[in-house]
N, C-alpha and C. Protein backbone atom coordinates (compact mmCIF):
# COMPACT_ATOMS: atom_id res chain seq x y z
N MET A 1 103.14 81.79 181.31
CA MET A 1 103.30 80.37 181.01
C MET A 1 103.42 80.21 179.50
N ALA A 2 104.58 79.78 179.02
CA ALA A 2 104.80 79.53 177.60
C ALA A 2 104.46 78.07 177.30
N VAL A 3 103.62 77.87 176.31
CA VAL A 3 103.20 76.52 175.94
C VAL A 3 103.89 76.13 174.65
N LYS A 4 104.43 74.91 174.61
CA LYS A 4 105.18 74.45 173.45
C LYS A 4 104.73 73.07 173.00
N PHE A 5 104.88 72.84 171.69
CA PHE A 5 104.81 71.48 171.15
C PHE A 5 106.20 70.92 171.30
N ARG A 6 106.34 69.73 171.86
CA ARG A 6 107.66 69.13 171.97
C ARG A 6 107.56 67.62 172.05
N LEU A 7 108.71 66.96 172.01
CA LEU A 7 108.76 65.51 172.05
C LEU A 7 108.96 65.02 173.47
N THR A 8 108.37 63.89 173.77
CA THR A 8 108.63 63.20 175.03
C THR A 8 108.99 61.76 174.68
N ARG A 9 109.99 61.21 175.32
CA ARG A 9 110.55 59.92 174.94
C ARG A 9 109.86 58.77 175.66
N TYR A 10 109.56 57.73 174.89
CA TYR A 10 109.02 56.48 175.42
C TYR A 10 109.81 55.34 174.81
N GLY A 11 109.54 54.13 175.23
CA GLY A 11 110.23 52.96 174.69
C GLY A 11 111.38 52.53 175.59
N GLY A 12 111.98 51.43 175.21
CA GLY A 12 113.06 50.87 176.01
C GLY A 12 114.42 51.39 175.61
N LYS A 13 115.42 50.79 176.22
CA LYS A 13 116.80 51.16 175.94
C LYS A 13 117.12 50.89 174.47
N LYS A 14 117.62 51.90 173.78
CA LYS A 14 117.99 51.84 172.37
C LYS A 14 116.82 51.56 171.43
N LYS A 15 115.59 51.70 171.92
CA LYS A 15 114.39 51.52 171.09
C LYS A 15 113.39 52.63 171.38
N PRO A 16 113.81 53.88 171.13
CA PRO A 16 112.93 54.99 171.49
C PRO A 16 111.82 55.21 170.46
N PHE A 17 110.70 55.71 170.93
CA PHE A 17 109.73 56.36 170.08
C PHE A 17 109.25 57.57 170.87
N TYR A 18 108.68 58.50 170.19
CA TYR A 18 108.37 59.77 170.81
C TYR A 18 106.91 60.13 170.61
N ARG A 19 106.34 60.78 171.61
CA ARG A 19 105.02 61.38 171.48
C ARG A 19 105.21 62.87 171.31
N ILE A 20 104.42 63.46 170.44
CA ILE A 20 104.42 64.91 170.29
C ILE A 20 103.33 65.42 171.22
N ILE A 21 103.73 66.28 172.14
CA ILE A 21 102.80 66.74 173.17
C ILE A 21 102.76 68.26 173.21
N VAL A 22 101.76 68.77 173.90
CA VAL A 22 101.67 70.18 174.24
C VAL A 22 101.95 70.26 175.73
N ALA A 23 102.97 71.06 176.09
CA ALA A 23 103.36 71.14 177.50
C ALA A 23 103.84 72.54 177.84
N ASP A 24 103.77 72.85 179.12
CA ASP A 24 104.35 74.09 179.63
C ASP A 24 105.86 73.98 179.45
N SER A 25 106.49 75.06 179.03
CA SER A 25 107.93 75.02 178.74
C SER A 25 108.77 74.72 179.98
N SER A 26 108.24 74.96 181.17
CA SER A 26 109.02 74.70 182.38
C SER A 26 108.86 73.27 182.90
N ALA A 27 107.96 72.48 182.32
CA ALA A 27 107.76 71.09 182.74
C ALA A 27 108.92 70.22 182.25
N PRO A 28 109.28 69.16 182.97
CA PRO A 28 110.36 68.27 182.53
C PRO A 28 110.01 67.55 181.23
N ARG A 29 111.03 67.09 180.51
CA ARG A 29 110.84 66.44 179.21
C ARG A 29 109.82 65.31 179.25
N ASP A 30 109.95 64.41 180.19
CA ASP A 30 109.04 63.27 180.29
C ASP A 30 108.02 63.45 181.41
N GLY A 31 107.82 64.68 181.81
CA GLY A 31 106.92 64.96 182.93
C GLY A 31 105.52 65.32 182.49
N ARG A 32 104.91 66.17 183.27
CA ARG A 32 103.53 66.56 183.07
C ARG A 32 103.34 67.25 181.72
N PHE A 33 102.24 66.92 181.04
CA PHE A 33 101.91 67.58 179.78
C PHE A 33 100.43 67.87 179.74
N ILE A 34 100.03 68.71 178.79
CA ILE A 34 98.64 69.13 178.69
C ILE A 34 97.85 68.18 177.80
N GLU A 35 98.40 67.89 176.60
CA GLU A 35 97.67 67.06 175.65
C GLU A 35 98.62 66.38 174.67
N LYS A 36 98.29 65.17 174.27
CA LYS A 36 99.05 64.43 173.27
C LYS A 36 98.47 64.76 171.89
N VAL A 37 99.33 65.16 170.95
CA VAL A 37 98.83 65.53 169.62
C VAL A 37 99.45 64.70 168.50
N GLY A 38 100.38 63.79 168.81
CA GLY A 38 100.96 63.00 167.74
C GLY A 38 101.95 61.97 168.24
N LEU A 39 102.50 61.23 167.27
CA LEU A 39 103.46 60.17 167.53
C LEU A 39 104.55 60.22 166.48
N TYR A 40 105.80 59.97 166.88
CA TYR A 40 106.93 59.96 165.96
C TYR A 40 107.79 58.75 166.30
N ASP A 41 107.93 57.83 165.34
CA ASP A 41 108.73 56.63 165.55
C ASP A 41 109.83 56.57 164.49
N PRO A 42 111.05 57.03 164.83
CA PRO A 42 112.13 57.10 163.85
C PRO A 42 112.76 55.75 163.50
N LEU A 43 112.48 54.71 164.25
CA LEU A 43 113.12 53.42 164.00
C LEU A 43 112.40 52.58 162.96
N LYS A 44 111.16 52.88 162.67
CA LYS A 44 110.41 52.13 161.66
C LYS A 44 110.88 52.55 160.27
N THR A 45 110.71 51.66 159.31
CA THR A 45 111.03 52.00 157.92
C THR A 45 109.77 51.83 157.09
N PRO A 46 109.20 52.87 156.52
CA PRO A 46 109.56 54.28 156.65
C PRO A 46 109.18 54.82 158.02
N VAL A 47 109.72 55.99 158.33
CA VAL A 47 109.47 56.64 159.62
C VAL A 47 107.97 56.85 159.80
N VAL A 48 107.46 56.51 160.98
CA VAL A 48 106.03 56.65 161.27
C VAL A 48 105.78 57.97 161.99
N ILE A 49 104.91 58.80 161.38
CA ILE A 49 104.51 60.05 161.99
C ILE A 49 103.00 60.12 161.90
N THR A 50 102.34 60.20 163.06
CA THR A 50 100.89 60.38 163.07
C THR A 50 100.59 61.65 163.85
N LEU A 51 99.74 62.49 163.26
CA LEU A 51 99.42 63.78 163.87
C LEU A 51 97.92 63.99 163.91
N ASP A 52 97.45 64.61 164.98
CA ASP A 52 96.07 65.04 165.06
C ASP A 52 96.05 66.51 164.64
N ARG A 53 95.81 66.74 163.37
CA ARG A 53 95.93 68.07 162.79
C ARG A 53 94.96 69.08 163.41
N GLU A 54 93.78 68.65 163.77
CA GLU A 54 92.80 69.56 164.35
C GLU A 54 93.27 70.07 165.72
N LYS A 55 93.81 69.17 166.54
CA LYS A 55 94.33 69.59 167.85
C LYS A 55 95.52 70.53 167.67
N ILE A 56 96.38 70.22 166.70
CA ILE A 56 97.56 71.06 166.46
C ILE A 56 97.12 72.46 166.05
N LYS A 57 96.16 72.56 165.14
CA LYS A 57 95.67 73.87 164.70
C LYS A 57 95.07 74.64 165.87
N ALA A 58 94.28 73.95 166.70
CA ALA A 58 93.65 74.61 167.85
C ALA A 58 94.70 75.15 168.81
N TRP A 59 95.72 74.35 169.12
CA TRP A 59 96.76 74.80 170.05
C TRP A 59 97.61 75.90 169.43
N TYR A 60 97.86 75.82 168.13
CA TYR A 60 98.64 76.87 167.47
C TYR A 60 97.91 78.21 167.57
N LYS A 61 96.57 78.19 167.41
CA LYS A 61 95.78 79.42 167.54
C LYS A 61 95.80 79.95 168.96
N LYS A 62 95.96 79.07 169.95
CA LYS A 62 96.02 79.49 171.35
C LYS A 62 97.40 80.03 171.73
N GLY A 63 98.38 79.91 170.83
CA GLY A 63 99.70 80.49 171.09
C GLY A 63 100.82 79.50 171.31
N ALA A 64 100.56 78.20 171.22
CA ALA A 64 101.62 77.21 171.40
C ALA A 64 102.58 77.26 170.21
N ARG A 65 103.87 77.15 170.48
CA ARG A 65 104.88 77.18 169.43
C ARG A 65 105.73 75.92 169.51
N PRO A 66 106.14 75.37 168.36
CA PRO A 66 106.93 74.13 168.36
C PRO A 66 108.41 74.36 168.64
N THR A 67 109.07 73.32 169.17
CA THR A 67 110.52 73.33 169.27
C THR A 67 111.07 73.12 167.86
N LYS A 68 112.37 73.26 167.68
CA LYS A 68 112.98 73.11 166.35
C LYS A 68 112.71 71.74 165.75
N THR A 69 112.87 70.70 166.54
CA THR A 69 112.66 69.33 166.05
C THR A 69 111.22 69.11 165.64
N VAL A 70 110.29 69.54 166.46
CA VAL A 70 108.88 69.37 166.15
C VAL A 70 108.50 70.24 164.95
N GLU A 71 109.08 71.42 164.84
CA GLU A 71 108.83 72.28 163.68
C GLU A 71 109.26 71.57 162.39
N ASN A 72 110.39 70.89 162.42
CA ASN A 72 110.85 70.14 161.25
C ASN A 72 109.88 69.00 160.91
N ILE A 73 109.36 68.33 161.91
CA ILE A 73 108.37 67.27 161.68
C ILE A 73 107.11 67.86 161.07
N PHE A 74 106.65 68.98 161.60
CA PHE A 74 105.45 69.64 161.07
C PHE A 74 105.65 70.07 159.62
N LYS A 75 106.84 70.60 159.30
CA LYS A 75 107.14 71.00 157.92
C LYS A 75 107.12 69.79 156.99
N ARG A 76 107.72 68.71 157.45
CA ARG A 76 107.78 67.48 156.66
C ARG A 76 106.39 66.96 156.33
N GLU A 77 105.48 67.10 157.28
CA GLU A 77 104.11 66.61 157.10
C GLU A 77 103.16 67.65 156.50
N GLY A 78 103.63 68.87 156.30
CA GLY A 78 102.83 69.91 155.68
C GLY A 78 101.83 70.58 156.60
N VAL A 79 102.02 70.46 157.89
CA VAL A 79 101.09 71.05 158.86
C VAL A 79 101.22 72.57 158.87
N LEU A 80 102.45 73.10 158.77
CA LEU A 80 102.64 74.52 158.85
C LEU A 80 102.05 75.24 157.64
N LYS A 81 102.02 74.59 156.49
CA LYS A 81 101.39 75.18 155.30
C LYS A 81 99.89 75.33 155.51
N GLU A 82 99.27 74.38 156.21
CA GLU A 82 97.84 74.45 156.48
C GLU A 82 97.49 75.58 157.44
N LEU A 83 98.43 75.96 158.28
CA LEU A 83 98.18 76.99 159.29
C LEU A 83 98.20 78.40 158.70
N THR A 84 98.88 78.58 157.58
CA THR A 84 98.98 79.94 156.99
C THR A 84 97.88 80.20 156.01
């Protein structure tokens, strides 16, 4: 079972916001997930990103890896620097 950090879409038509979650890689995009670790709202100015850094660090130590998009969000917020 590969565990990943990834985005799941919420919001209405043309008004998306995303939750950053930890999920099994075989689960559907908006389906079952293990834990919510953050929020990403690209429509706000400035872009709203909230992260639970402690949960992210714990899951990273357990072997969870981010998707490309989530990795870019983590880099932007400096989370990956804290992990090394």
